[in-house]
Amino acid sequence: MDIVGPELSEPANTISSFKLAGLLESAIRSSNAQYDDRDILDRLRVKMMAHNTGDRGWDVFPFDYEATVPLNTVFTESVMGRLQLLMTSRKCQVLWDDMNHFATNLQYYIMFEVLEVSWSKFLNEMEVAKDLDDLLAAHEIYLHSIIEKSLLGERSRTLYKTLFVLFDLILRFRSHADRLYEGIHEFQAKTTDSSRDKSKSRLHPNDKTSKPGSWVSEGRKALTQRAIAFLRNIEQDLDAIGKEYSSLLEGFISQLPVQKDINLKFLLFRLDFTEFYSRMHPKT
């Protein structure tokens, strides 16, 4: 993908499928794939789907594996599209579970271990305060406690920066997840329209209402091909986000045990109270 990346960033109508095929062959020769069975390698191809104005190479580029008899009677293009949908949805769900676990337990820590405990201590200090100076001192301790425990203090600056990068990644993931489910909904709607248009064309063979180049006029096969290409692009984006998120999360968690504030060490216990991260990231 690194080799074809610059080429696929260009407008789809300017990209040569022959050049992509040459790049694929170069990639195979420069990797361990060159030692695979030649019959298998010859079945792997690059394709360019039907494209619209504004599409980039990434929007219409899929890998294609040509299955022959008897496999092609089982693994039809429609079946492959549904398998791709299942794999992409599964990746999305796994990443969502990981991020949700982190965000939920961080929220629990802030709400109950920081705000609730600090407020309770402040109320006790108010009860025993002898004068205004004692009250002001207690309030200052209360504010300092909240800031430090919430990773907003000067001593937690590195953790603070990492945490906000993690939040940015979570928002990026949400954007891609929205795109995935919106794309699935659009594909389902257009598939229904295509079926209706096909039925209509049987009743009215001379009907010209479908616009040339539209998904509806392209037919079910073209719809499936575009859907597969879309899902593969989303899957690549999710893989990139997941890899970056995992790396940052490991760095964040590895910093908690060395913090001077005992409460930040408890945050590690809170996040890993079911050994969730210990099992996922044994090194951490």
C-alpha atoms as a PDB file:
ATOM      1  CA  MET A   1       0.000   0.000   0.000  1.00  0.00           C
ATOM      2  CA  ASP A   2       2.966   2.318   0.566  1.00  0.00           C
ATOM      3  CA  ILE A   3       4.025   1.863  -3.048  1.00  0.00           C
ATOM      4  CA  VAL A   4       0.616   2.619  -4.582  1.00  0.00           C
ATOM      5  CA  GLY A   5      -0.306   5.316  -2.036  1.00  0.00           C
ATOM      6  CA  PRO A   6       0.872   8.343  -4.068  1.00  0.00           C
ATOM      7  CA  GLU A   7      -0.768   6.990  -7.224  1.00  0.00           C
ATOM      8  CA  LEU A   8      -4.128   6.345  -5.516  1.00  0.00           C
ATOM      9  CA  SER A   9      -4.203   9.883  -4.128  1.00  0.00           C
ATOM     10  CA  GLU A  10      -4.722  11.168  -7.676  1.00  0.00           C
ATOM     11  CA  PRO A  11      -8.157  11.662  -9.323  1.00  0.00           C
ATOM     12  CA  ALA A  12      -9.615   8.299 -10.296  1.00  0.00           C
ATOM     13  CA  ASN A  13     -10.020   9.229 -13.971  1.00  0.00           C
ATOM     14  CA  THR A  14      -6.265   9.856 -14.323  1.00  0.00           C
ATOM     15  CA  ILE A  15      -5.062   6.531 -12.918  1.00  0.00           C
ATOM     16  CA  SER A  16      -3.912   3.698 -15.163  1.00  0.00           C
ATOM     17  CA  SER A  17      -4.924   0.196 -14.103  1.00  0.00           C
ATOM     18  CA  PHE A  18      -1.895  -1.132 -16.024  1.00  0.00           C
ATOM     19  CA  LYS A  19       0.438   0.995 -13.888  1.00  0.00           C
ATOM     20  CA  LEU A  20      -1.253  -0.267 -10.713  1.00  0.00           C
ATOM     21  CA  ALA A  21      -0.788  -3.839 -11.934  1.00  0.00           C
ATOM     22  CA  GLY A  22       2.919  -3.110 -12.425  1.00  0.00           C
ATOM     23  CA  LEU A  23       3.187  -1.664  -8.927  1.00  0.00           C
ATOM     24  CA  LEU A  24       1.484  -4.763  -7.517  1.00  0.00           C
ATOM     25  CA  GLU A  25       4.014  -6.982  -9.265  1.00  0.00           C
ATOM     26  CA  SER A  26       6.870  -4.846  -7.898  1.00  0.00           C
ATOM     27  CA  ALA A  27       5.452  -5.124  -4.385  1.00  0.00           C
ATOM     28  CA  ILE A  28       5.221  -8.911  -4.699  1.00  0.00           C
ATOM     29  CA  ARG A  29       8.819  -9.203  -5.915  1.00  0.00           C
ATOM     30  CA  SER A  30      10.094  -7.082  -3.010  1.00  0.00           C
ATOM     31  CA  SER A  31       8.304  -9.098  -0.300  1.00  0.00           C
ATOM     32  CA  ASN A  32       8.113 -12.698   0.921  1.00  0.00           C
ATOM     33  CA  ALA A  33       4.999 -13.098  -1.230  1.00  0.00           C
ATOM     34  CA  GLN A  34       7.318 -13.810  -4.163  1.00  0.00           C
ATOM     35  CA  TYR A  35       7.877 -17.291  -2.717  1.00  0.00           C
ATOM     36  CA  ASP A  36       4.165 -18.178  -2.752  1.00  0.00           C
ATOM     37  CA  ASP A  37       2.660 -20.483  -5.340  1.00  0.00           C
ATOM     38  CA  ARG A  38       2.657 -18.676  -8.700  1.00  0.00           C
ATOM     39  CA  ASP A  39      -0.853 -19.885  -9.447  1.00  0.00           C
ATOM     40  CA  ILE A  40      -2.070 -18.062  -6.332  1.00  0.00           C
ATOM     41  CA  LEU A  41      -0.214 -14.850  -7.193  1.00  0.00           C
ATOM     42  CA  ASP A  42      -1.546 -14.858 -10.763  1.00  0.00           C
ATOM     43  CA  ARG A  43      -5.102 -14.783  -9.412  1.00  0.00           C
ATOM     44  CA  LEU A  44      -4.457 -11.583  -7.434  1.00  0.00           C
ATOM     45  CA  ARG A  45      -5.279  -8.460  -9.418  1.00  0.00           C
ATOM     46  CA  VAL A  46      -5.976  -4.781  -8.949  1.00  0.00           C
ATOM     47  CA  LYS A  47      -9.172  -3.288 -10.325  1.00  0.00           C
ATOM     48  CA  MET A  48     -10.644   0.145 -10.856  1.00  0.00           C
ATOM     49  CA  MET A  49     -14.349   0.353 -10.145  1.00  0.00           C
ATOM     50  CA  ALA A  50     -16.737   2.629 -12.000  1.00  0.00           C
ATOM     51  CA  HIS A  51     -16.119   6.140 -10.690  1.00  0.00           C
ATOM     52  CA  ASN A  52     -17.881   9.471 -10.507  1.00  0.00           C
ATOM     53  CA  THR A  53     -16.578  13.017 -10.729  1.00  0.00           C
ATOM     54  CA  GLY A  54     -14.480  13.864  -7.682  1.00  0.00           C
ATOM     55  CA  ASP A  55     -13.549  10.259  -6.831  1.00  0.00           C
ATOM     56  CA  ARG A  56      -9.935   9.564  -5.915  1.00  0.00           C
ATOM     57  CA  GLY A  57      -8.054   6.359  -6.539  1.00  0.00           C
ATOM     58  CA  TRP A  58      -8.681   5.196  -2.972  1.00  0.00           C
ATOM     59  CA  ASP A  59     -12.444   5.418  -3.580  1.00  0.00           C
ATOM     60  CA  VAL A  60     -12.495   2.968  -6.488  1.00  0.00           C
ATOM     61  CA  PHE A  61      -9.442   0.736  -5.948  1.00  0.00           C
ATOM     62  CA  PRO A  62      -9.866  -2.839  -4.678  1.00  0.00           C
ATOM     63  CA  PHE A  63      -7.769  -5.973  -4.789  1.00  0.00           C
ATOM     64  CA  ASP A  64      -9.486  -8.826  -6.602  1.00  0.00           C
ATOM     65  CA  TYR A  65      -8.840 -12.548  -6.264  1.00  0.00           C
ATOM     66  CA  GLU A  66     -10.168 -14.625  -9.135  1.00  0.00           C
ATOM     67  CA  ALA A  67     -11.771 -17.777  -7.789  1.00  0.00           C
ATOM     68  CA  THR A  68     -12.314 -20.624 -10.245  1.00  0.00           C
ATOM     69  CA  VAL A  69     -14.566 -23.678 -10.247  1.00  0.00           C
ATOM     70  CA  PRO A  70     -15.773 -24.903  -7.803  1.00  0.00           C
ATOM     71  CA  LEU A  71     -15.007 -22.003  -5.400  1.00  0.00           C
ATOM     72  CA  ASN A  72     -16.624 -19.357  -7.599  1.00  0.00           C
ATOM     73  CA  THR A  73     -19.988 -21.072  -7.237  1.00  0.00           C
ATOM     74  CA  VAL A  74     -19.837 -20.423  -3.495  1.00  0.00           C
ATOM     75  CA  PHE A  75     -17.795 -17.232  -3.166  1.00  0.00           C
ATOM     76  CA  THR A  76     -19.727 -15.048  -5.559  1.00  0.00           C
ATOM     77  CA  GLU A  77     -19.207 -11.278  -5.676  1.00  0.00           C
ATOM     78  CA  SER A  78     -22.353 -10.780  -3.609  1.00  0.00           C
ATOM     79  CA  VAL A  79     -21.117 -13.231  -0.965  1.00  0.00           C
ATOM     80  CA  MET A  80     -17.688 -11.563  -0.845  1.00  0.00           C
ATOM     81  CA  GLY A  81     -19.393  -8.218  -0.330  1.00  0.00           C
ATOM     82  CA  ARG A  82     -21.298  -9.545   2.669  1.00  0.00           C
ATOM     83  CA  LEU A  83     -18.152 -11.162   4.110  1.00  0.00           C
ATOM     84  CA  GLN A  84     -16.301  -7.849   3.739  1.00  0.00           C
ATOM     85  CA  LEU A  85     -19.172  -6.106   5.539  1.00  0.00           C
ATOM     86  CA  LEU A  86     -18.988  -8.588   8.422  1.00  0.00           C
ATOM     87  CA  MET A  87     -15.202  -8.229   8.785  1.00  0.00           C
ATOM     88  CA  THR A  88     -15.320  -4.414   8.707  1.00  0.00           C
ATOM     89  CA  SER A  89     -18.223  -4.258  11.164  1.00  0.00           C
ATOM     90  CA  ARG A  90     -16.396  -6.640  13.484  1.00  0.00           C
ATOM     91  CA  LYS A  91     -13.247  -4.487  13.468  1.00  0.00           C
ATOM     92  CA  CYS A  92     -15.347  -1.412  14.162  1.00  0.00           C
ATOM     93  CA  GLN A  93     -17.096  -3.111  17.096  1.00  0.00           C
ATOM     94  CA  VAL A  94     -13.849  -4.377  18.666  1.00  0.00           C
ATOM     95  CA  LEU A  95     -12.250  -0.934  18.499  1.00  0.00           C
ATOM     96  CA  TRP A  96     -15.423   0.661  19.882  1.00  0.00           C
ATOM     97  CA  ASP A  97     -15.413  -1.786  22.832  1.00  0.00           C
ATOM     98  CA  ASP A  98     -11.785  -0.910  23.640  1.00  0.00           C
ATOM     99  CA  MET A  99     -12.385   2.844  23.487  1.00  0.00           C
ATOM    100  CA  ASN A 100     -15.656   2.613  25.405  1.00  0.00           C
ATOM    101  CA  HIS A 101     -13.983   0.644  28.191  1.00  0.00           C
ATOM    102  CA  PHE A 102     -11.291   3.296  28.553  1.00  0.00           C
ATOM    103  CA  ALA A 103     -13.662   6.298  28.424  1.00  0.00           C
ATOM    104  CA  THR A 104     -16.211   4.739  30.802  1.00  0.00           C
ATOM    105  CA  ASN A 105     -13.673   3.836  33.476  1.00  0.00           C
ATOM    106  CA  LEU A 106     -11.893   7.185  33.186  1.00  0.00           C
ATOM    107  CA  GLN A 107     -15.237   8.907  33.679  1.00  0.00           C
ATOM    108  CA  TYR A 108     -15.957   6.711  36.706  1.00  0.00           C
ATOM    109  CA  TYR A 109     -12.582   7.618  38.194  1.00  0.00           C
ATOM    110  CA  ILE A 110     -13.146  11.365  37.704  1.00  0.00           C
ATOM    111  CA  MET A 111     -16.694  11.330  39.031  1.00  0.00           C
ATOM    112  CA  PHE A 112     -16.274   9.133  42.087  1.00  0.00           C
ATOM    113  CA  GLU A 113     -12.587   8.871  42.980  1.00  0.00           C
ATOM    114  CA  VAL A 114     -11.824  12.536  42.299  1.00  0.00           C
ATOM    115  CA  LEU A 115     -14.887  14.771  42.577  1.00  0.00           C
ATOM    116  CA  GLU A 116     -16.885  12.763  45.116  1.00  0.00           C
ATOM    117  CA  VAL A 117     -13.976  12.020  47.465  1.00  0.00           C
ATOM    118  CA  SER A 118     -12.522  15.549  47.247  1.00  0.00           C
ATOM    119  CA  TRP A 119     -15.900  17.150  47.911  1.00  0.00           C
ATOM    120  CA  SER A 120     -16.467  14.935  50.951  1.00  0.00           C
ATOM    121  CA  LYS A 121     -13.083  15.944  52.390  1.00  0.00           C
ATOM    122  CA  PHE A 122     -13.822  19.611  51.712  1.00  0.00           C
ATOM    123  CA  LEU A 123     -17.134  19.390  53.581  1.00  0.00           C
ATOM    124  CA  ASN A 124     -15.338  17.884  56.586  1.00  0.00           C
ATOM    125  CA  GLU A 125     -12.743  20.694  56.494  1.00  0.00           C
ATOM    126  CA  MET A 126     -15.551  23.282  56.391  1.00  0.00           C
ATOM    127  CA  GLU A 127     -17.083  21.793  59.517  1.00  0.00           C
ATOM    128  CA  VAL A 128     -13.895  22.164  61.549  1.00  0.00           C
ATOM    129  CA  ALA A 129     -12.762  25.518  60.100  1.00  0.00           C
ATOM    130  CA  LYS A 130     -12.286  28.078  62.870  1.00  0.00           C
ATOM    131  CA  ASP A 131     -12.172  31.187  60.730  1.00  0.00           C
ATOM    132  CA  LEU A 132     -12.180  32.500  57.140  1.00  0.00           C
ATOM    133  CA  ASP A 133      -8.492  31.749  56.688  1.00  0.00           C
ATOM    134  CA  ASP A 134      -9.078  28.072  57.488  1.00  0.00           C
ATOM    135  CA  LEU A 135     -11.970  27.998  55.023  1.00  0.00           C
ATOM    136  CA  LEU A 136      -9.903  29.585  52.232  1.00  0.00           C
ATOM    137  CA  ALA A 137      -7.057  27.165  52.893  1.00  0.00           C
ATOM    138  CA  ALA A 138      -9.429  24.209  52.765  1.00  0.00           C
ATOM    139  CA  HIS A 139     -10.906  25.455  49.491  1.00  0.00           C
ATOM    140  CA  GLU A 140      -7.433  25.877  48.000  1.00  0.00           C
ATOM    141  CA  ILE A 141      -6.569  22.290  48.982  1.00  0.00           C
ATOM    142  CA  TYR A 142      -9.865  21.122  47.449  1.00  0.00           C
ATOM    143  CA  LEU A 143      -9.152  22.800  44.089  1.00  0.00           C
ATOM    144  CA  HIS A 144      -5.542  21.594  44.015  1.00  0.00           C
ATOM    145  CA  SER A 145      -6.668  18.048  44.769  1.00  0.00           C
ATOM    146  CA  ILE A 146      -9.195  18.027  41.903  1.00  0.00           C
ATOM    147  CA  ILE A 147      -6.724  19.447  39.401  1.00  0.00           C
ATOM    148  CA  GLU A 148      -3.928  17.026  40.276  1.00  0.00           C
ATOM    149  CA  LYS A 149      -6.111  13.922  40.434  1.00  0.00           C
ATOM    150  CA  SER A 150      -7.806  14.839  37.135  1.00  0.00           C
ATOM    151  CA  LEU A 151      -4.435  14.927  35.309  1.00  0.00           C
ATOM    152  CA  LEU A 152      -4.680  18.689  34.802  1.00  0.00           C
ATOM    153  CA  GLY A 153      -1.818  19.662  37.097  1.00  0.00           C
ATOM    154  CA  GLU A 154       1.711  20.664  36.226  1.00  0.00           C
ATOM    155  CA  ARG A 155       3.110  17.296  37.291  1.00  0.00           C
ATOM    156  CA  SER A 156       0.733  15.489  34.922  1.00  0.00           C
ATOM    157  CA  ARG A 157       1.415  17.592  31.833  1.00  0.00           C
ATOM    158  CA  THR A 158       2.736  14.639  29.787  1.00  0.00           C
ATOM    159  CA  LEU A 159      -0.229  12.473  30.742  1.00  0.00           C
ATOM    160  CA  TYR A 160      -2.572  15.363  29.989  1.00  0.00           C
ATOM    161  CA  LYS A 161      -1.221  15.768  26.456  1.00  0.00           C
ATOM    162  CA  THR A 162      -1.390  12.038  25.741  1.00  0.00           C
ATOM    163  CA  LEU A 163      -4.925  11.874  27.097  1.00  0.00           C
ATOM    164  CA  PHE A 164      -6.171  14.588  24.782  1.00  0.00           C
ATOM    165  CA  VAL A 165      -4.551  12.928  21.764  1.00  0.00           C
ATOM    166  CA  LEU A 166      -6.428   9.765  22.757  1.00  0.00           C
ATOM    167  CA  PHE A 167      -9.663  11.753  22.880  1.00  0.00           C
ATOM    168  CA  ASP A 168      -8.949  13.153  19.409  1.00  0.00           C
ATOM    169  CA  LEU A 169      -8.471   9.608  18.096  1.00  0.00           C
ATOM    170  CA  ILE A 170     -11.753   8.525  19.669  1.00  0.00           C
ATOM    171  CA  LEU A 171     -13.527  11.382  17.882  1.00  0.00           C
ATOM    172  CA  ARG A 172     -11.833  10.403  14.612  1.00  0.00           C
ATOM    173  CA  PHE A 173     -13.021   6.847  15.126  1.00  0.00           C
ATOM    174  CA  ARG A 174     -16.566   8.071  15.719  1.00  0.00           C
ATOM    175  CA  SER A 175     -16.431   9.960  12.419  1.00  0.00           C
ATOM    176  CA  HIS A 176     -15.312   6.824  10.542  1.00  0.00           C
ATOM    177  CA  ALA A 177     -17.911   4.670  12.292  1.00  0.00           C
ATOM    178  CA  ASP A 178     -20.602   7.152  11.235  1.00  0.00           C
ATOM    179  CA  ARG A 179     -19.310   6.982   7.655  1.00  0.00           C
ATOM    180  CA  LEU A 180     -19.414   3.181   7.774  1.00  0.00           C
ATOM    181  CA  TYR A 181     -23.029   2.913   8.909  1.00  0.00           C
ATOM    182  CA  GLU A 182     -24.182   5.758   6.686  1.00  0.00           C
ATOM    183  CA  GLY A 183     -22.485   4.012   3.742  1.00  0.00           C
ATOM    184  CA  ILE A 184     -24.172   0.721   4.602  1.00  0.00           C
ATOM    185  CA  HIS A 185     -27.544   2.453   4.808  1.00  0.00           C
ATOM    186  CA  GLU A 186     -26.950   4.194   1.471  1.00  0.00           C
ATOM    187  CA  PHE A 187     -25.876   0.957  -0.185  1.00  0.00           C
ATOM    188  CA  GLN A 188     -28.978  -0.842   1.074  1.00  0.00           C
ATOM    189  CA  ALA A 189     -31.197   1.975  -0.144  1.00  0.00           C
ATOM    190  CA  LYS A 190     -29.550   2.045  -3.576  1.00  0.00           C
ATOM    191  CA  THR A 191     -29.764  -1.740  -3.845  1.00  0.00           C
ATOM    192  CA  THR A 192     -33.497  -1.473  -3.265  1.00  0.00           C
ATOM    193  CA  ASP A 193     -33.730   1.310  -5.869  1.00  0.00           C
ATOM    194  CA  SER A 194     -31.718  -0.810  -8.300  1.00  0.00           C
ATOM    195  CA  SER A 195     -34.090  -3.737  -7.848  1.00  0.00           C
ATOM    196  CA  ARG A 196     -37.086  -1.496  -8.411  1.00  0.00           C
ATOM    197  CA  ASP A 197     -35.434   0.064 -11.469  1.00  0.00           C
ATOM    198  CA  LYS A 198     -34.735  -3.390 -12.871  1.00  0.00           C
ATOM    199  CA  SER A 199     -38.355  -4.400 -12.404  1.00  0.00           C
ATOM    200  CA  LYS A 200     -39.463  -1.120 -13.966  1.00  0.00           C
ATOM    201  CA  SER A 201     -37.203  -1.620 -16.985  1.00  0.00           C
ATOM    202  CA  ARG A 202     -38.783  -5.001 -17.600  1.00  0.00           C
ATOM    203  CA  LEU A 203     -42.207  -3.365 -17.738  1.00  0.00           C
ATOM    204  CA  HIS A 204     -40.978  -0.315 -19.699  1.00  0.00           C
ATOM    205  CA  PRO A 205     -37.923  -1.314 -21.787  1.00  0.00           C
ATOM    206  CA  ASN A 206     -37.605   2.146 -23.367  1.00  0.00           C
ATOM    207  CA  ASP A 207     -37.586   4.076 -20.055  1.00  0.00           C
ATOM    208  CA  LYS A 208     -34.564   6.461 -19.877  1.00  0.00           C
ATOM    209  CA  THR A 209     -35.094   7.967 -16.412  1.00  0.00           C
ATOM    210  CA  SER A 210     -31.908   6.561 -14.853  1.00  0.00           C
ATOM    211  CA  LYS A 211     -28.995   8.940 -15.204  1.00  0.00           C
ATOM    212  CA  PRO A 212     -25.883   7.504 -16.925  1.00  0.00           C
ATOM    213  CA  GLY A 213     -23.159   6.745 -14.390  1.00  0.00           C
ATOM    214  CA  SER A 214     -25.493   6.669 -11.392  1.00  0.00           C
ATOM    215  CA  TRP A 215     -25.359   3.763  -8.968  1.00  0.00           C
ATOM    216  CA  VAL A 216     -28.903   2.786  -9.919  1.00  0.00           C
ATOM    217  CA  SER A 217     -28.123   2.562 -13.636  1.00  0.00           C
ATOM    218  CA  GLU A 218     -24.900   0.635 -12.969  1.00  0.00           C
ATOM    219  CA  GLY A 219     -26.777  -2.397 -11.669  1.00  0.00           C
ATOM    220  CA  ARG A 220     -26.374  -4.676  -8.697  1.00  0.00           C
ATOM    221  CA  LYS A 221     -22.892  -5.923  -9.662  1.00  0.00           C
ATOM    222  CA  ALA A 222     -21.473  -2.412  -9.864  1.00  0.00           C
ATOM    223  CA  LEU A 223     -23.173  -1.536  -6.578  1.00  0.00           C
ATOM    224  CA  THR A 224     -21.552  -4.534  -4.900  1.00  0.00           C
ATOM    225  CA  GLN A 225     -18.120  -3.642  -6.301  1.00  0.00           C
ATOM    226  CA  ARG A 226     -18.367  -0.058  -5.071  1.00  0.00           C
ATOM    227  CA  ALA A 227     -19.571  -1.253  -1.672  1.00  0.00           C
ATOM    228  CA  ILE A 228     -16.607  -3.647  -1.348  1.00  0.00           C
ATOM    229  CA  ALA A 229     -14.164  -0.864  -2.284  1.00  0.00           C
ATOM    230  CA  PHE A 230     -15.813   1.474   0.234  1.00  0.00           C
ATOM    231  CA  LEU A 231     -15.639  -1.127   3.022  1.00  0.00           C
ATOM    232  CA  ARG A 232     -11.985  -1.868   2.315  1.00  0.00           C
ATOM    233  CA  ASN A 233     -11.110   1.817   2.543  1.00  0.00           C
ATOM    234  CA  ILE A 234     -12.977   2.131   5.848  1.00  0.00           C
ATOM    235  CA  GLU A 235     -11.224  -0.999   7.138  1.00  0.00           C
ATOM    236  CA  GLN A 236      -7.815   0.468   6.288  1.00  0.00           C
ATOM    237  CA  ASP A 237      -8.713   3.687   8.120  1.00  0.00           C
ATOM    238  CA  LEU A 238      -9.903   1.722  11.162  1.00  0.00           C
ATOM    239  CA  ASP A 239      -6.675  -0.315  11.169  1.00  0.00           C
ATOM    240  CA  ALA A 240      -4.605   2.892  11.133  1.00  0.00           C
ATOM    241  CA  ILE A 241      -6.648   4.466  13.952  1.00  0.00           C
ATOM    242  CA  GLY A 242      -6.554   1.248  15.988  1.00  0.00           C
ATOM    243  CA  LYS A 243      -2.790   0.946  15.674  1.00  0.00           C
ATOM    244  CA  GLU A 244      -2.199   4.560  16.713  1.00  0.00           C
ATOM    245  CA  TYR A 245      -4.722   4.296  19.561  1.00  0.00           C
ATOM    246  CA  SER A 246      -3.145   1.103  20.909  1.00  0.00           C
ATOM    247  CA  SER A 247       0.336   2.648  20.860  1.00  0.00           C
ATOM    248  CA  LEU A 248      -0.780   5.826  22.639  1.00  0.00           C
ATOM    249  CA  LEU A 249      -2.829   3.899  25.182  1.00  0.00           C
ATOM    250  CA  GLU A 250       0.107   1.679  26.079  1.00  0.00           C
ATOM    251  CA  GLY A 251       2.242   4.787  26.554  1.00  0.00           C
ATOM    252  CA  PHE A 252      -0.419   6.417  28.741  1.00  0.00           C
ATOM    253  CA  ILE A 253      -0.900   3.362  30.957  1.00  0.00           C
ATOM    254  CA  SER A 254       2.829   2.722  31.302  1.00  0.00           C
ATOM    255  CA  GLN A 255       3.269   6.214  32.795  1.00  0.00           C
ATOM    256  CA  LEU A 256       0.706   5.746  35.573  1.00  0.00           C
ATOM    257  CA  PRO A 257       2.744   3.473  37.907  1.00  0.00           C
ATOM    258  CA  VAL A 258       5.624   5.972  38.053  1.00  0.00           C
ATOM    259  CA  GLN A 259       3.495   8.967  39.048  1.00  0.00           C
ATOM    260  CA  LYS A 260       4.126  10.464  42.502  1.00  0.00           C
ATOM    261  CA  ASP A 261       0.437  10.983  43.231  1.00  0.00           C
ATOM    262  CA  ILE A 262      -0.967   7.762  44.713  1.00  0.00           C
ATOM    263  CA  ASN A 263      -4.382   8.535  43.199  1.00  0.00           C
ATOM    264  CA  LEU A 264      -2.973   8.255  39.674  1.00  0.00           C
ATOM    265  CA  LYS A 265      -1.716   4.808  40.556  1.00  0.00           C
ATOM    266  CA  PHE A 266      -5.266   3.984  41.596  1.00  0.00           C
ATOM    267  CA  LEU A 267      -6.429   5.149  38.167  1.00  0.00           C
ATOM    268  CA  LEU A 268      -4.362   2.306  36.712  1.00  0.00           C
ATOM    269  CA  PHE A 269      -6.151  -0.123  39.002  1.00  0.00           C
ATOM    270  CA  ARG A 270      -9.492   1.370  37.970  1.00  0.00           C
ATOM    271  CA  LEU A 271      -8.748   1.006  34.261  1.00  0.00           C
ATOM    272  CA  ASP A 272      -7.394  -2.528  34.642  1.00  0.00           C
ATOM    273  CA  PHE A 273      -9.589  -3.834  37.440  1.00  0.00           C
ATOM    274  CA  THR A 274     -10.733  -6.755  35.226  1.00  0.00           C
ATOM    275  CA  GLU A 275      -7.192  -7.222  33.818  1.00  0.00           C
ATOM    276  CA  PHE A 276      -8.610  -5.976  30.510  1.00  0.00           C
ATOM    277  CA  TYR A 277      -5.387  -4.268  29.447  1.00  0.00           C
ATOM    278  CA  SER A 278      -3.125  -6.824  31.098  1.00  0.00           C
ATOM    279  CA  ARG A 279      -4.537  -9.466  28.767  1.00  0.00           C
ATOM    280  CA  MET A 280      -4.535  -7.216  25.684  1.00  0.00           C
ATOM    281  CA  HIS A 281      -1.120  -5.663  26.292  1.00  0.00           C
ATOM    282  CA  PRO A 282       0.956  -8.134  28.361  1.00  0.00           C
ATOM    283  CA  LYS A 283       4.139  -6.070  27.983  1.00  0.00           C
ATOM    284  CA  THR A 284       2.479  -3.018  29.501  1.00  0.00           C
END
